[in-house]
Amino acid sequence: MGNRFVTKNTNSNVLTDEDIKNNYKAFLEDNPSGRMDKKRFLHWYDLLKPDFDIKDEVACENAFAAFDKNKDGTIDFKEFTTALAFLRPNTVEAHVDLFFQMLVRLSAVV
């Protein structure tokens, strides 16, 4: 898969539709069932953490648990992307803006 997952566009903090589609494809290549377990989540977080302020594995585990809505030990792409959005550095306003942008775009992709 090449471990390529875009967390921000090179020109801005906003992901394009194409970025999200590519991320979804990468997610499915790494998780063919469409579900990611905590081990894979921690792996991806470790790869992406230079883009994030939070370096703490406990914070990562808490984020995973918070977005594992049905508590089956896995998260889907929407939950994964939402968790990453909340782990990214920025202001609260930026998190909220990014969250709603992703919800709108994800509804068109998934």
N, C-alpha and C. Protein backbone atom coordinates (compact mmCIF):
# COMPACT_ATOMS: atom_id res chain seq x y z
N MET A 1 0.81 -1.17 0.00
CA MET A 1 0.00 0.00 0.00
C MET A 1 0.86 1.25 0.00
N GLY A 2 2.04 1.20 0.54
CA GLY A 2 2.90 2.36 0.52
C GLY A 2 2.70 3.31 1.68
N ASN A 3 1.77 2.99 2.59
CA ASN A 3 1.54 3.81 3.78
C ASN A 3 1.31 5.28 3.44
N ARG A 4 0.53 5.55 2.40
CA ARG A 4 0.25 6.92 1.98
C ARG A 4 -1.17 7.29 2.37
N PHE A 5 -1.28 8.19 3.31
CA PHE A 5 -2.58 8.67 3.75
C PHE A 5 -2.45 10.17 3.94
N VAL A 6 -3.26 10.94 3.21
CA VAL A 6 -3.15 12.39 3.23
C VAL A 6 -3.95 12.94 4.41
N THR A 7 -3.28 13.72 5.28
CA THR A 7 -3.98 14.36 6.40
C THR A 7 -4.20 15.84 6.16
N LYS A 8 -3.48 16.38 5.20
CA LYS A 8 -3.72 17.77 4.80
C LYS A 8 -3.19 17.96 3.40
N ASN A 9 -3.81 18.85 2.67
CA ASN A 9 -3.37 19.19 1.33
C ASN A 9 -2.08 19.99 1.45
N THR A 10 -1.18 19.84 0.51
CA THR A 10 0.10 20.55 0.58
C THR A 10 -0.07 22.07 0.56
N ASN A 11 -1.18 22.56 -0.02
CA ASN A 11 -1.40 24.00 -0.10
C ASN A 11 -2.27 24.56 1.02
N SER A 12 -2.92 23.69 1.80
CA SER A 12 -3.79 24.17 2.87
C SER A 12 -4.08 23.02 3.84
N ASN A 13 -4.85 23.30 4.87
CA ASN A 13 -5.27 22.27 5.81
C ASN A 13 -6.55 21.58 5.36
N VAL A 14 -7.08 21.96 4.21
CA VAL A 14 -8.33 21.40 3.70
C VAL A 14 -8.03 20.25 2.75
N LEU A 15 -8.70 19.13 2.98
CA LEU A 15 -8.56 18.00 2.06
C LEU A 15 -9.53 18.16 0.90
N THR A 16 -9.06 17.80 -0.28
CA THR A 16 -9.92 17.84 -1.46
C THR A 16 -10.73 16.56 -1.55
N ASP A 17 -11.74 16.55 -2.41
CA ASP A 17 -12.50 15.32 -2.64
C ASP A 17 -11.57 14.21 -3.10
N GLU A 18 -10.62 14.56 -3.95
CA GLU A 18 -9.66 13.57 -4.46
C GLU A 18 -8.80 13.01 -3.33
N ASP A 19 -8.37 13.86 -2.39
CA ASP A 19 -7.60 13.39 -1.24
C ASP A 19 -8.41 12.37 -0.44
N ILE A 20 -9.68 12.69 -0.20
CA ILE A 20 -10.52 11.79 0.59
C ILE A 20 -10.76 10.48 -0.14
N LYS A 21 -10.98 10.53 -1.45
CA LYS A 21 -11.15 9.30 -2.22
C LYS A 21 -9.90 8.45 -2.18
N ASN A 22 -8.74 9.08 -2.30
CA ASN A 22 -7.48 8.34 -2.22
C ASN A 22 -7.27 7.75 -0.83
N ASN A 23 -7.64 8.50 0.19
CA ASN A 23 -7.54 7.98 1.56
C ASN A 23 -8.45 6.77 1.76
N TYR A 24 -9.65 6.85 1.20
CA TYR A 24 -10.59 5.73 1.32
C TYR A 24 -10.02 4.48 0.63
N LYS A 25 -9.44 4.68 -0.53
CA LYS A 25 -8.83 3.57 -1.26
C LYS A 25 -7.68 2.97 -0.43
N ALA A 26 -6.83 3.83 0.14
CA ALA A 26 -5.72 3.35 0.99
C ALA A 26 -6.25 2.62 2.22
N PHE A 27 -7.32 3.15 2.80
CA PHE A 27 -7.93 2.51 3.97
C PHE A 27 -8.40 1.11 3.62
N LEU A 28 -9.08 0.97 2.48
CA LEU A 28 -9.59 -0.35 2.08
C LEU A 28 -8.48 -1.32 1.70
N GLU A 29 -7.40 -0.80 1.12
CA GLU A 29 -6.26 -1.66 0.80
C GLU A 29 -5.64 -2.23 2.08
N ASP A 30 -5.59 -1.43 3.11
CA ASP A 30 -5.01 -1.86 4.38
C ASP A 30 -6.02 -2.63 5.24
N ASN A 31 -7.30 -2.39 5.02
CA ASN A 31 -8.38 -3.00 5.81
C ASN A 31 -9.48 -3.47 4.87
N PRO A 32 -9.27 -4.59 4.17
CA PRO A 32 -10.24 -5.03 3.15
C PRO A 32 -11.65 -5.25 3.69
N SER A 33 -11.78 -5.51 4.98
CA SER A 33 -13.11 -5.71 5.55
C SER A 33 -13.87 -4.39 5.70
N GLY A 34 -13.14 -3.26 5.55
CA GLY A 34 -13.75 -1.97 5.76
C GLY A 34 -13.74 -1.55 7.22
N ARG A 35 -13.11 -2.36 8.09
CA ARG A 35 -13.03 -2.08 9.52
C ARG A 35 -11.56 -2.12 9.95
N MET A 36 -11.17 -1.21 10.80
CA MET A 36 -9.79 -1.12 11.29
C MET A 36 -9.78 -1.43 12.79
N ASP A 37 -8.88 -2.31 13.21
CA ASP A 37 -8.78 -2.58 14.64
C ASP A 37 -7.82 -1.59 15.30
N LYS A 38 -7.74 -1.64 16.62
CA LYS A 38 -6.93 -0.66 17.35
C LYS A 38 -5.46 -0.78 16.99
N LYS A 39 -4.97 -1.98 16.76
CA LYS A 39 -3.56 -2.18 16.40
C LYS A 39 -3.23 -1.43 15.11
N ARG A 40 -4.09 -1.55 14.10
CA ARG A 40 -3.87 -0.85 12.82
C ARG A 40 -4.02 0.67 13.01
N PHE A 41 -4.97 1.09 13.84
CA PHE A 41 -5.15 2.51 14.11
C PHE A 41 -3.88 3.09 14.73
N LEU A 42 -3.33 2.40 15.71
CA LEU A 42 -2.10 2.87 16.36
C LEU A 42 -0.94 2.88 15.37
N HIS A 43 -0.90 1.88 14.48
CA HIS A 43 0.13 1.84 13.44
C HIS A 43 0.03 3.08 12.55
N TRP A 44 -1.18 3.38 12.06
CA TRP A 44 -1.36 4.54 11.19
C TRP A 44 -1.09 5.83 11.92
N TYR A 45 -1.53 5.91 13.16
CA TYR A 45 -1.26 7.12 13.94
C TYR A 45 0.24 7.32 14.09
N ASP A 46 0.97 6.25 14.35
CA ASP A 46 2.42 6.34 14.49
C ASP A 46 3.06 6.86 13.21
N LEU A 47 2.55 6.43 12.06
CA LEU A 47 3.07 6.91 10.78
C LEU A 47 2.75 8.38 10.54
N LEU A 48 1.58 8.81 11.00
CA LEU A 48 1.10 10.16 10.72
C LEU A 48 1.45 11.18 11.78
N LYS A 49 1.93 10.74 12.93
CA LYS A 49 2.07 11.65 14.06
C LYS A 49 2.98 12.85 13.86
N PRO A 50 3.90 12.86 12.90
CA PRO A 50 4.62 14.12 12.69
C PRO A 50 3.68 15.28 12.34
N ASP A 51 2.50 14.96 11.78
CA ASP A 51 1.51 15.98 11.45
C ASP A 51 0.62 16.35 12.64
N PHE A 52 0.79 15.66 13.76
CA PHE A 52 -0.09 15.84 14.91
C PHE A 52 0.67 16.36 16.11
N ASP A 53 -0.04 17.06 16.99
CA ASP A 53 0.56 17.54 18.23
C ASP A 53 0.59 16.45 19.29
N ILE A 54 -0.41 15.61 19.31
CA ILE A 54 -0.54 14.60 20.35
C ILE A 54 0.36 13.42 20.03
N LYS A 55 1.32 13.15 20.89
CA LYS A 55 2.25 12.05 20.66
C LYS A 55 1.97 10.88 21.60
N ASP A 56 1.01 11.03 22.47
CA ASP A 56 0.73 10.08 23.52
C ASP A 56 -0.12 8.91 23.01
N GLU A 57 0.37 7.69 23.19
CA GLU A 57 -0.38 6.51 22.76
C GLU A 57 -1.68 6.37 23.53
N VAL A 58 -1.69 6.78 24.79
CA VAL A 58 -2.91 6.70 25.59
C VAL A 58 -3.99 7.60 24.98
N ALA A 59 -3.62 8.80 24.56
CA ALA A 59 -4.58 9.70 23.90
C ALA A 59 -5.12 9.05 22.64
N CYS A 60 -4.25 8.37 21.94
CA CYS A 60 -4.65 7.67 20.71
C CYS A 60 -5.64 6.55 21.03
N GLU A 61 -5.34 5.79 22.06
CA GLU A 61 -6.25 4.70 22.46
C GLU A 61 -7.59 5.26 22.90
N ASN A 62 -7.56 6.39 23.61
CA ASN A 62 -8.82 7.01 24.02
C ASN A 62 -9.61 7.50 22.82
N ALA A 63 -8.93 8.06 21.83
CA ALA A 63 -9.61 8.50 20.61
C ALA A 63 -10.24 7.30 19.91
N PHE A 64 -9.50 6.21 19.81
CA PHE A 64 -10.05 5.01 19.17
C PHE A 64 -11.30 4.55 19.91
N ALA A 65 -11.21 4.47 21.23
CA ALA A 65 -12.35 4.01 22.02
C ALA A 65 -13.55 4.94 21.86
N ALA A 66 -13.30 6.24 21.79
CA ALA A 66 -14.39 7.20 21.65
C ALA A 66 -15.11 7.06 20.31
N PHE A 67 -14.38 6.69 19.26
CA PHE A 67 -15.00 6.60 17.94
C PHE A 67 -15.44 5.19 17.58
N ASP A 68 -15.13 4.22 18.41
CA ASP A 68 -15.63 2.85 18.24
C ASP A 68 -17.03 2.81 18.86
N LYS A 69 -17.99 3.33 18.11
CA LYS A 69 -19.34 3.54 18.63
C LYS A 69 -20.02 2.28 19.14
N ASN A 70 -19.89 1.17 18.42
CA ASN A 70 -20.56 -0.05 18.85
C ASN A 70 -19.69 -0.94 19.73
N LYS A 71 -18.50 -0.46 20.06
CA LYS A 71 -17.57 -1.13 20.98
C LYS A 71 -17.23 -2.56 20.57
N ASP A 72 -17.08 -2.74 19.23
CA ASP A 72 -16.70 -4.06 18.74
C ASP A 72 -15.20 -4.18 18.51
N GLY A 73 -14.44 -3.14 18.87
CA GLY A 73 -12.98 -3.18 18.71
C GLY A 73 -12.50 -2.78 17.33
N THR A 74 -13.41 -2.24 16.51
CA THR A 74 -13.03 -1.79 15.17
C THR A 74 -13.72 -0.47 14.87
N ILE A 75 -13.13 0.27 13.92
CA ILE A 75 -13.76 1.50 13.43
C ILE A 75 -13.78 1.45 11.91
N ASP A 76 -14.74 2.15 11.32
CA ASP A 76 -14.81 2.22 9.87
C ASP A 76 -14.07 3.46 9.38
N PHE A 77 -14.10 3.70 8.08
CA PHE A 77 -13.36 4.82 7.50
C PHE A 77 -13.83 6.16 8.04
N LYS A 78 -15.14 6.35 8.14
CA LYS A 78 -15.66 7.62 8.65
C LYS A 78 -15.17 7.86 10.08
N GLU A 79 -15.24 6.84 10.91
CA GLU A 79 -14.79 6.96 12.29
C GLU A 79 -13.28 7.22 12.36
N PHE A 80 -12.52 6.54 11.52
CA PHE A 80 -11.07 6.71 11.47
C PHE A 80 -10.72 8.15 11.07
N THR A 81 -11.35 8.64 10.03
CA THR A 81 -11.08 9.98 9.55
C THR A 81 -11.49 11.03 10.58
N THR A 82 -12.61 10.80 11.23
CA THR A 82 -13.07 11.72 12.26
C THR A 82 -12.09 11.74 13.44
N ALA A 83 -11.62 10.56 13.85
CA ALA A 83 -10.65 10.48 14.95
C ALA A 83 -9.38 11.24 14.58
N LEU A 84 -8.90 11.06 13.36
CA LEU A 84 -7.70 11.79 12.93
C LEU A 84 -7.92 13.29 12.92
N ALA A 85 -9.11 13.71 12.52
CA ALA A 85 -9.41 15.14 12.49
C ALA A 85 -9.32 15.74 13.89
N PHE A 86 -9.78 15.01 14.88
CA PHE A 86 -9.75 15.53 16.24
C PHE A 86 -8.38 15.41 16.89
N LEU A 87 -7.51 14.57 16.36
CA LEU A 87 -6.16 14.45 16.91
C LEU A 87 -5.19 15.46 16.29
N ARG A 88 -5.60 16.07 15.17
CA ARG A 88 -4.73 17.04 14.49
C ARG A 88 -4.59 18.31 15.31
N PRO A 89 -3.43 18.97 15.17
CA PRO A 89 -3.26 20.25 15.86
C PRO A 89 -4.09 21.33 15.17
N ASN A 90 -4.56 22.28 15.90
CA ASN A 90 -5.30 23.44 15.40
C ASN A 90 -6.20 23.96 16.51
N THR A 91 -6.94 24.94 16.18
CA THR A 91 -7.89 25.50 17.13
C THR A 91 -9.17 24.67 17.12
N VAL A 92 -10.00 24.89 18.09
CA VAL A 92 -11.29 24.21 18.15
C VAL A 92 -12.09 24.54 16.89
N GLU A 93 -12.05 25.79 16.48
CA GLU A 93 -12.81 26.20 15.30
C GLU A 93 -12.34 25.45 14.05
N ALA A 94 -11.04 25.27 13.93
CA ALA A 94 -10.50 24.54 12.78
C ALA A 94 -10.95 23.09 12.81
N HIS A 95 -10.97 22.49 14.00
CA HIS A 95 -11.43 21.10 14.14
C HIS A 95 -12.89 20.97 13.72
N VAL A 96 -13.71 21.90 14.18
CA VAL A 96 -15.14 21.85 13.85
C VAL A 96 -15.33 22.04 12.35
N ASP A 97 -14.65 23.01 11.76
CA ASP A 97 -14.75 23.23 10.32
C ASP A 97 -14.33 22.00 9.54
N LEU A 98 -13.18 21.42 9.90
CA LEU A 98 -12.69 20.23 9.21
C LEU A 98 -13.66 19.07 9.38
N PHE A 99 -14.19 18.89 10.58
CA PHE A 99 -15.14 17.81 10.85
C PHE A 99 -16.34 17.90 9.92
N PHE A 100 -16.95 19.09 9.82
CA PHE A 100 -18.13 19.24 8.98
C PHE A 100 -17.79 19.14 7.49
N GLN A 101 -16.64 19.62 7.08
CA GLN A 101 -16.22 19.45 5.69
C GLN A 101 -16.09 17.98 5.35
N MET A 102 -15.49 17.22 6.27
CA MET A 102 -15.31 15.79 6.00
C MET A 102 -16.64 15.05 6.00
N LEU A 103 -17.55 15.41 6.89
CA LEU A 103 -18.86 14.75 6.89
C LEU A 103 -19.57 14.94 5.55
N VAL A 104 -19.54 16.16 5.04
CA VAL A 104 -20.19 16.45 3.76
C VAL A 104 -19.53 15.64 2.64
N ARG A 105 -18.22 15.65 2.61
CA ARG A 105 -17.50 14.94 1.54
C ARG A 105 -17.61 13.43 1.68
N LEU A 106 -17.54 12.93 2.90
CA LEU A 106 -17.64 11.48 3.12
C LEU A 106 -18.99 10.95 2.71
N SER A 107 -20.04 11.70 2.91
CA SER A 107 -21.36 11.23 2.53
C SER A 107 -21.44 11.03 1.02
N ALA A 108 -20.64 11.75 0.26
CA ALA A 108 -20.63 11.59 -1.19
C ALA A 108 -19.74 10.43 -1.63
N VAL A 109 -18.75 10.05 -0.81
CA VAL A 109 -17.80 9.01 -1.18
C VAL A 109 -18.23 7.64 -0.71
N VAL A 110 -18.69 7.55 0.51
CA VAL A 110 -18.99 6.25 1.13
C VAL A 110 -20.47 6.00 1.08
